Protein backbone atom coordinates (compact mmCIF):
# COMPACT_ATOMS: atom_id res chain seq x y z
CA UNK A 1 30.48 42.45 4.13
CA UNK A 2 30.45 46.09 4.97
CA UNK A 3 32.80 46.00 7.12
CA UNK A 4 35.36 44.07 4.86
CA UNK A 5 34.98 47.04 2.33
CA UNK A 6 36.21 49.86 4.61
CA UNK A 7 39.27 47.38 5.51
CA UNK A 8 39.51 47.69 1.61
CA UNK A 9 39.21 50.99 1.58
CA UNK A 10 41.88 52.10 3.74
CA UNK A 11 44.23 50.39 1.27
CA UNK A 12 46.15 47.75 3.21
CA UNK A 13 48.56 45.69 2.46
CA UNK A 14 47.79 41.43 3.40
CA UNK A 15 51.00 42.24 5.28
CA UNK A 16 49.37 44.77 7.53
CA UNK A 17 46.07 43.16 7.60
CA UNK A 18 48.19 40.21 9.14
CA UNK A 19 49.53 42.57 11.63
CA UNK A 20 46.25 43.25 13.03
CA UNK A 21 45.19 39.68 12.94
CA UNK A 22 47.84 38.67 15.11
CA UNK A 23 47.48 41.90 17.59
CA UNK A 24 43.45 41.18 18.11
CA UNK A 25 44.40 37.31 18.45
CA UNK A 26 46.91 37.96 21.33
CA UNK A 27 44.39 40.42 22.51
CA UNK A 28 41.64 37.08 23.02
CA UNK A 29 39.00 39.14 23.68
CA UNK A 30 35.81 37.56 21.78
CA UNK A 31 34.64 40.38 20.58
CA UNK A 32 36.99 40.37 18.23
CA UNK A 33 36.05 37.80 16.36
CA UNK A 34 33.88 39.20 13.94
CA UNK A 35 36.52 41.49 12.89
CA UNK A 36 38.90 38.82 12.96
CA UNK A 37 36.37 36.95 9.99
CA UNK A 38 36.52 40.65 8.14
CA UNK A 39 39.66 40.68 8.11
CA UNK A 40 40.29 36.69 6.33
CA UNK A 41 37.90 37.96 3.76
CA UNK A 42 39.20 40.83 2.95
CA UNK A 43 42.47 39.11 2.73
CA UNK A 44 41.30 36.53 0.56
CA UNK A 45 38.86 39.47 -1.31
CA UNK A 46 42.53 41.31 -2.49
CA UNK A 47 44.46 37.75 -3.17
CA UNK A 48 41.66 37.74 -5.88
CA UNK A 49 42.54 40.85 -7.25
CA UNK A 50 45.87 39.80 -8.13
CA UNK A 51 45.22 36.84 -10.25
CA UNK A 52 46.45 37.63 -13.54
CA UNK A 53 45.89 35.02 -15.29
CA UNK A 54 42.56 32.67 -15.62
CA UNK A 55 41.60 30.93 -12.99
CA UNK A 56 38.59 28.01 -12.57
CA UNK A 57 36.95 27.05 -9.25
CA UNK A 58 34.55 24.30 -8.57
CA UNK A 59 32.93 24.49 -5.51
CA UNK A 60 30.76 21.47 -4.16
CA UNK A 61 28.85 20.54 -1.37
CA UNK A 62 26.25 17.92 -0.24
CA UNK A 63 22.53 18.46 0.57
CA UNK A 64 20.73 15.69 2.62
CA UNK A 65 17.61 16.87 4.28
CA UNK A 66 18.42 20.23 3.91
CA UNK A 67 15.24 21.49 2.76
CA UNK A 68 14.62 23.45 5.68
CA UNK A 69 18.20 25.39 5.77
CA UNK A 70 18.01 26.22 2.28
CA UNK A 71 14.74 28.29 2.78
CA UNK A 72 14.38 31.69 3.92
CA UNK A 73 14.32 32.42 8.07
CA UNK A 74 10.86 33.95 7.68
CA UNK A 75 9.56 30.61 5.74
CA UNK A 76 11.25 28.13 8.49
CA UNK A 77 12.16 28.96 11.86
CA UNK A 78 15.92 27.06 10.61
CA UNK A 79 15.81 28.90 7.20
CA UNK A 80 19.44 29.87 6.15
CA UNK A 81 18.83 31.02 2.91
CA UNK A 82 22.18 29.03 1.98
CA UNK A 83 22.11 28.43 -1.55
CA UNK A 84 21.76 32.23 -2.32
CA UNK A 85 23.69 33.25 0.35
CA UNK A 86 26.75 30.93 -0.68
CA UNK A 87 26.46 32.69 -4.32
CA UNK A 88 26.35 36.14 -2.78
CA UNK A 89 29.33 35.39 -1.24
CA UNK A 90 31.05 34.33 -4.60
CA UNK A 91 29.79 37.12 -6.50
CA UNK A 92 30.82 39.03 -4.01
CA UNK A 93 34.51 37.75 -3.83
CA UNK A 94 34.93 37.76 -7.94
CA UNK A 95 33.21 40.71 -8.68
CA UNK A 96 35.08 42.96 -11.28
CA UNK A 97 37.80 40.44 -11.30
CA UNK A 98 37.95 39.02 -15.45
CA UNK A 99 40.07 36.30 -15.46
CA UNK A 100 38.59 34.20 -12.80
CA UNK A 101 35.61 32.30 -13.47
CA UNK A 102 33.70 29.81 -11.17
CA UNK A 103 30.77 27.27 -10.72
CA UNK A 104 28.71 25.92 -7.68
CA UNK A 105 27.91 22.22 -7.72
CA UNK A 106 25.22 20.82 -5.31
CA UNK A 107 25.19 17.31 -4.60
CA UNK A 108 21.56 15.66 -3.78
CA UNK A 109 22.85 12.98 -1.59
CA UNK A 110 19.91 10.66 -1.66
CA UNK A 111 17.87 13.39 0.26
CA UNK A 112 14.24 11.81 0.99
CA UNK A 113 12.69 15.17 0.91
CA UNK A 114 14.18 16.19 -2.60
CA UNK A 115 16.79 18.89 -1.16
CA UNK A 116 17.80 18.63 -5.18
CA UNK A 117 14.88 19.67 -6.31
CA UNK A 118 13.94 22.60 -4.10
CA UNK A 119 17.86 23.66 -4.90
CA UNK A 120 16.53 23.92 -8.34
CA UNK A 121 13.75 25.21 -7.94
CA UNK A 122 15.36 28.47 -6.29
CA UNK A 123 18.54 28.37 -9.45
CA UNK A 124 15.72 28.65 -11.95
CA UNK A 125 13.67 31.57 -9.76
CA UNK A 126 17.05 33.06 -9.31
CA UNK A 127 18.45 32.51 -13.36
CA UNK A 128 21.13 31.23 -11.90
CA UNK A 129 21.57 28.15 -14.18
CA UNK A 130 24.38 29.44 -16.03
CA UNK A 131 26.48 29.44 -12.33
CA UNK A 132 25.03 26.43 -10.28
CA UNK A 133 24.00 23.52 -10.75
CA UNK A 134 22.27 20.35 -8.87
CA UNK A 135 23.74 16.74 -9.26
CA UNK A 136 21.65 13.60 -8.22
CA UNK A 137 24.07 10.92 -6.55
CA UNK A 138 21.03 8.48 -7.71
CA UNK A 139 21.94 9.55 -11.35
CA UNK A 140 25.60 8.19 -11.25
CA UNK A 141 24.73 5.22 -9.32
CA UNK A 142 22.22 4.43 -12.02
CA UNK A 143 24.50 5.26 -15.21
CA UNK A 144 27.16 3.38 -13.05
CA UNK A 145 29.35 6.71 -13.28
CA UNK A 146 33.12 6.03 -11.91
CA UNK A 147 32.40 7.82 -8.86
CA UNK A 148 29.64 5.66 -7.68
CA UNK A 149 31.38 2.01 -9.06
CA UNK A 150 31.57 0.34 -5.43
CA UNK A 151 27.97 2.41 -4.18
CA UNK A 152 24.84 -0.01 -4.20
CA UNK A 153 22.55 2.53 -3.04
CA UNK A 154 22.46 6.55 -1.63
CA UNK A 155 22.66 4.92 1.74
CA UNK A 156 25.78 4.11 1.30
CA UNK A 157 27.10 7.70 1.11
CA UNK A 158 26.72 10.17 4.14
CA UNK A 159 28.12 13.10 2.26
CA UNK A 160 31.22 11.81 0.94
CA UNK A 161 30.00 9.47 -1.85
CA UNK A 162 28.42 12.88 -2.80
CA UNK A 163 31.40 15.32 -2.53
CA UNK A 164 33.20 12.90 -4.79
CA UNK A 165 31.32 12.78 -7.32
CA UNK A 166 31.07 16.52 -7.51
CA UNK A 167 34.52 16.69 -7.62
CA UNK A 168 34.73 14.22 -10.35
CA UNK A 169 32.00 15.53 -12.39
CA UNK A 170 33.74 18.97 -12.08
CA UNK A 171 36.99 17.64 -13.89
CA UNK A 172 35.27 16.05 -16.61
CA UNK A 173 35.76 19.86 -18.37
CA UNK A 174 38.59 20.98 -19.68
CA UNK A 175 38.90 24.14 -17.29
CA UNK A 176 42.30 25.50 -18.30
CA UNK A 177 45.81 25.22 -16.62
CA UNK A 178 44.84 26.60 -13.17
CA UNK A 179 41.70 24.95 -11.96
CA UNK A 180 40.87 24.46 -8.64
CA UNK A 181 37.95 22.33 -7.07
CA UNK A 182 37.08 23.39 -3.69
CA UNK A 183 34.77 21.70 -1.25
CA UNK A 184 32.65 22.99 1.72
CA UNK A 185 29.45 22.21 3.82
CA UNK A 186 26.06 23.27 2.62
CA UNK A 187 25.79 25.31 6.05
CA UNK A 188 26.91 28.90 6.38
CA UNK A 189 29.63 27.81 9.14
CA UNK A 190 32.50 29.12 6.94
CA UNK A 191 31.90 31.87 4.97
CA UNK A 192 32.93 31.44 1.13
CA UNK A 193 34.59 34.72 1.09
CA UNK A 194 37.93 33.13 2.34
CA UNK A 195 37.87 31.19 -0.67
CA UNK A 196 41.37 32.23 -2.36
CA UNK A 197 42.92 32.09 1.14
CA UNK A 198 42.85 27.95 -0.11
CA UNK A 199 43.65 28.97 -3.57
CA UNK A 200 45.86 30.84 -2.97
CA UNK A 201 48.78 28.10 -2.15
CA UNK A 202 48.06 26.21 -4.94
CA UNK A 203 48.32 28.67 -7.55
CA UNK A 204 51.62 30.32 -6.25
CA UNK A 205 53.05 27.88 -3.70
CA UNK A 206 53.00 24.77 -5.80
CA UNK A 207 50.30 23.17 -3.23
CA UNK A 208 48.17 20.13 -4.23
CA UNK A 209 45.85 20.41 -1.91
CA UNK A 210 44.94 23.57 0.75
CA UNK A 211 42.55 22.74 3.83
CA UNK A 212 40.47 24.82 6.24
CA UNK A 213 41.72 24.25 9.92
CA UNK A 214 39.78 25.44 13.36
CA UNK A 215 42.62 24.44 15.33
CA UNK A 216 45.26 26.83 14.03
CA UNK A 217 46.58 29.72 15.88
CA UNK A 218 45.12 32.36 13.60
CA UNK A 219 42.14 30.18 13.23
CA UNK A 220 38.92 32.08 14.47
CA UNK A 221 35.96 29.91 16.01
CA UNK A 222 32.48 30.24 17.87
CA UNK A 223 31.11 26.95 18.06
CA UNK A 224 28.44 25.66 20.88
CA UNK A 225 29.89 23.37 23.31
CA UNK A 226 32.95 22.65 24.12
CA UNK A 227 35.56 21.08 22.52
CA UNK A 228 35.16 17.59 23.13
CA UNK A 229 37.11 14.65 24.91
CA UNK A 230 35.80 12.55 21.97
CA UNK A 231 37.22 14.85 19.22
CA UNK A 232 40.55 14.36 21.17
CA UNK A 233 40.46 10.59 21.43
CA UNK A 234 39.26 10.16 17.73
CA UNK A 235 42.50 12.22 16.59
CA UNK A 236 44.94 9.99 18.90
CA UNK A 237 43.70 6.70 17.25
CA UNK A 238 43.64 7.83 13.60
CA UNK A 239 47.19 9.71 14.34
CA UNK A 240 48.23 5.97 15.57
CA UNK A 241 46.99 4.59 12.06
CA UNK A 242 47.66 7.32 9.45
CA UNK A 243 51.37 7.76 9.59
CA UNK A 244 51.99 10.66 6.30
CA UNK A 245 49.57 13.57 7.51
CA UNK A 246 52.39 15.43 9.48
CA UNK A 247 50.99 17.74 11.74
CA UNK A 248 47.59 18.20 9.78
CA UNK A 249 45.18 17.90 12.98
CA UNK A 250 41.64 19.06 11.94
CA UNK A 251 40.70 16.80 8.93
CA UNK A 252 37.15 17.07 9.27
CA UNK A 253 36.42 20.98 8.40
CA UNK A 254 34.40 21.03 5.44
CA UNK A 255 36.10 23.33 3.56
CA UNK A 256 39.03 22.24 0.96
CA UNK A 257 40.52 22.68 -1.98
CA UNK A 258 42.52 20.44 -4.33
CA UNK A 259 44.09 21.41 -7.99
CA UNK A 260 41.59 20.14 -10.46
CA UNK A 261 44.82 17.82 -11.93
CA UNK A 262 44.92 15.46 -9.01
CA UNK A 263 41.22 14.67 -8.24
CA UNK A 264 40.76 12.03 -11.01
CA UNK A 265 43.99 10.30 -8.97
CA UNK A 266 42.75 10.70 -5.08
CA UNK A 267 38.89 9.93 -6.00
CA UNK A 268 39.75 6.45 -7.96
CA UNK A 269 39.01 3.48 -5.64
CA UNK A 270 37.84 4.99 -2.40
CA UNK A 271 37.38 2.83 0.84
CA UNK A 272 35.43 5.50 2.08
CA UNK A 273 31.78 6.88 1.08
CA UNK A 274 31.00 8.28 4.30
CA UNK A 275 32.05 10.70 6.75
CA UNK A 276 36.35 9.58 7.25
CA UNK A 277 36.42 10.40 3.33
CA UNK A 278 38.39 13.40 3.99
CA UNK A 279 40.91 11.42 5.64
CA UNK A 280 41.15 9.44 2.59
CA UNK A 281 41.71 11.90 0.11
CA UNK A 282 44.14 13.67 2.24
CA UNK A 283 46.05 10.41 3.09
CA UNK A 284 45.92 9.96 -0.69
CA UNK A 285 47.28 13.58 -1.77
CA UNK A 286 50.42 13.10 0.16
CA UNK A 287 51.29 9.36 -0.95
CA UNK A 288 51.25 11.21 -4.67
CA UNK A 289 53.17 13.88 -3.83
CA UNK A 290 54.97 14.14 -0.18
CA UNK A 291 54.75 17.73 1.37
CA UNK A 292 51.93 18.53 -0.66
CA UNK A 293 49.31 19.77 2.11
CA UNK A 294 49.06 23.18 3.77
CA UNK A 295 46.59 24.01 6.45
CA UNK A 296 45.08 27.50 6.31
CA UNK A 297 43.48 28.83 9.49
CA UNK A 298 40.03 30.29 8.83
CA UNK A 299 37.13 31.68 10.72
CA UNK A 300 34.28 29.06 11.57
CA UNK A 301 31.22 29.94 12.81
CA UNK A 302 29.17 27.30 14.54
CA UNK A 303 25.83 27.05 12.24
CA UNK A 304 23.93 23.89 14.23
CA UNK A 305 20.21 24.89 14.44
CA UNK A 306 19.30 21.94 12.09
CA UNK A 307 22.69 20.35 11.35
CA UNK A 308 22.31 16.59 9.81
CA UNK A 309 25.64 15.78 11.52
CA UNK A 310 25.27 16.67 14.88
CA UNK A 311 22.91 13.86 16.05
CA UNK A 312 25.30 11.15 14.48
CA UNK A 313 28.94 11.11 15.94
CA UNK A 314 30.05 8.68 13.78
CA UNK A 315 33.61 7.77 15.03
CA UNK A 316 33.42 4.50 15.46
CA UNK A 317 32.09 3.66 11.86
CA UNK A 318 35.36 6.49 11.03
CA UNK A 319 37.60 4.50 12.94
CA UNK A 320 37.14 1.59 10.98
CA UNK A 321 37.02 2.61 8.24
CA UNK A 322 40.82 4.41 8.98
CA UNK A 323 41.69 1.05 10.31
CA UNK A 324 41.13 -0.23 6.61
CA UNK A 325 43.11 2.65 5.19
CA UNK A 326 45.97 2.24 7.53
CA UNK A 327 45.98 -1.99 5.85
CA UNK A 328 45.43 -0.55 2.36
CA UNK A 329 47.61 2.16 1.68
CA UNK A 330 50.79 1.74 4.38
CA UNK A 331 53.56 -0.66 5.66
CA UNK A 332 52.70 -2.20 8.45
CA UNK A 333 54.53 -1.82 11.98
CA UNK A 334 53.59 -3.55 15.66
CA UNK A 335 52.07 -0.61 17.36
CA UNK A 336 49.80 0.59 14.33
CA UNK A 337 48.49 -3.51 14.04
CA UNK A 338 47.95 -3.07 17.55
CA UNK A 339 45.67 -0.38 17.55
CA UNK A 340 43.47 -1.57 14.39
CA UNK A 341 42.81 -4.92 15.81
CA UNK A 342 42.06 -3.45 18.55
CA UNK A 343 39.41 -0.88 16.27
CA UNK A 344 38.16 -3.73 14.52
CA UNK A 345 37.44 -5.95 18.11
CA UNK A 346 35.06 -2.34 19.51
CA UNK A 347 31.14 -2.50 19.27
CA UNK A 348 29.08 -0.03 20.22
CA UNK A 349 28.70 -0.72 24.12
CA UNK A 350 32.68 -1.30 24.54
CA UNK A 351 33.38 2.21 22.63
CA UNK A 352 30.63 3.65 24.48
CA UNK A 353 32.49 2.83 27.41
CA UNK A 354 35.71 3.76 25.79
CA UNK A 355 33.91 7.34 25.65
CA UNK A 356 33.24 7.41 29.62
CA UNK A 357 36.77 6.27 30.35
CA UNK A 358 39.21 8.09 27.95
CA UNK A 359 42.83 8.10 29.46
CA UNK A 360 43.90 11.41 30.93
CA UNK A 361 46.75 11.37 29.40
CA UNK A 362 44.67 12.43 25.85
CA UNK A 363 42.39 15.03 27.70
CA UNK A 364 44.79 16.62 29.34
CA UNK A 365 47.13 17.02 26.12
CA UNK A 366 46.38 19.22 22.88
CA UNK A 367 45.92 17.47 19.75
CA UNK A 368 48.56 19.18 18.09
CA UNK A 369 50.75 16.76 20.20
CA UNK A 370 49.39 13.72 19.12
CA UNK A 371 51.70 13.02 15.77
CA UNK A 372 54.78 12.89 18.12
CA UNK A 373 52.98 11.83 21.54
CA UNK A 374 52.08 7.99 21.53
CA UNK A 375 52.34 6.97 24.66
CA UNK A 376 49.20 5.90 25.62
CA UNK A 377 48.84 2.35 24.14
CA UNK A 378 45.82 -0.23 23.63
CA UNK A 379 46.67 -1.57 26.89
CA UNK A 380 45.82 1.59 28.77
CA UNK A 381 42.12 1.79 27.05
CA UNK A 382 41.04 -1.38 28.69
């Protein structure tokens, strides 16, 4: 935050900061990455200072096997101390902003290592109970609460069920006219100091959802490993099934915000409780009101050391769920029918073979092209 403070102290306007961003991005020098992150956070802080009416922000994240990463680095080599760091990021962003109140909702996704209880003890030890609350997906299932109606056990959820429960919980209290419900990942890949970049278009531009994207020109991304062809194929395939998400590409970025008044609408009767839940929330938002989602270029710095999703590449189960979404929500067409049937018949062995033989017409293109480009047909995958 020192770099951010020095930017803020110079009194730059948002348009001046955006000009610096453009210049640094054009320079495409990796050494600029942390300055670019600082510029995004500075912009967010300026936006917070412009809030003149009461605003309440709920931030939800799920924990599963986060028992090491939640610790301090001195306590465990994978420790990130992410809970207290998230709180510090929020407190810093909203310091001296009397119109803004916030809460952090942590949802235990059925963690066998009791991540929720560990989080609760950190909350107790740091007197954070007024701002930070732990929920347990198992409680929602036991009480047969609405968001858990179609979940029998916590193993039916992989993050999705818990995020949806947290979002539902956030809107049970009336927080006034300006209430934003956001969700993020447990790790520290996305600095929460950027939160106003999502909240601003919801308050001022009449948008219902704002989604962080790592694939925009102004996105800042540090990721171990290379951007993969599997991801491209995943995007190409879901784009053939879900017609209403326009130029949205990065559906899986764990940094999204919604106006509270649409939350109950979009979380009702979801098909998906696992990793493809983002796509279902977005398509339902668009069905509710077309052109109501805005993409926000964010800074995202991979926090891979103890990631609970790197060893799960759930593309095939996600695609199978997306095929169900196509059938539930959209008018049928021949091309999409063909892709849906193709995906339904894939098993792990066939899918792995497919991953080894991704058509060049996909790997040589950028994902942003796949909204329009549909010339790779099912027959090209055989």
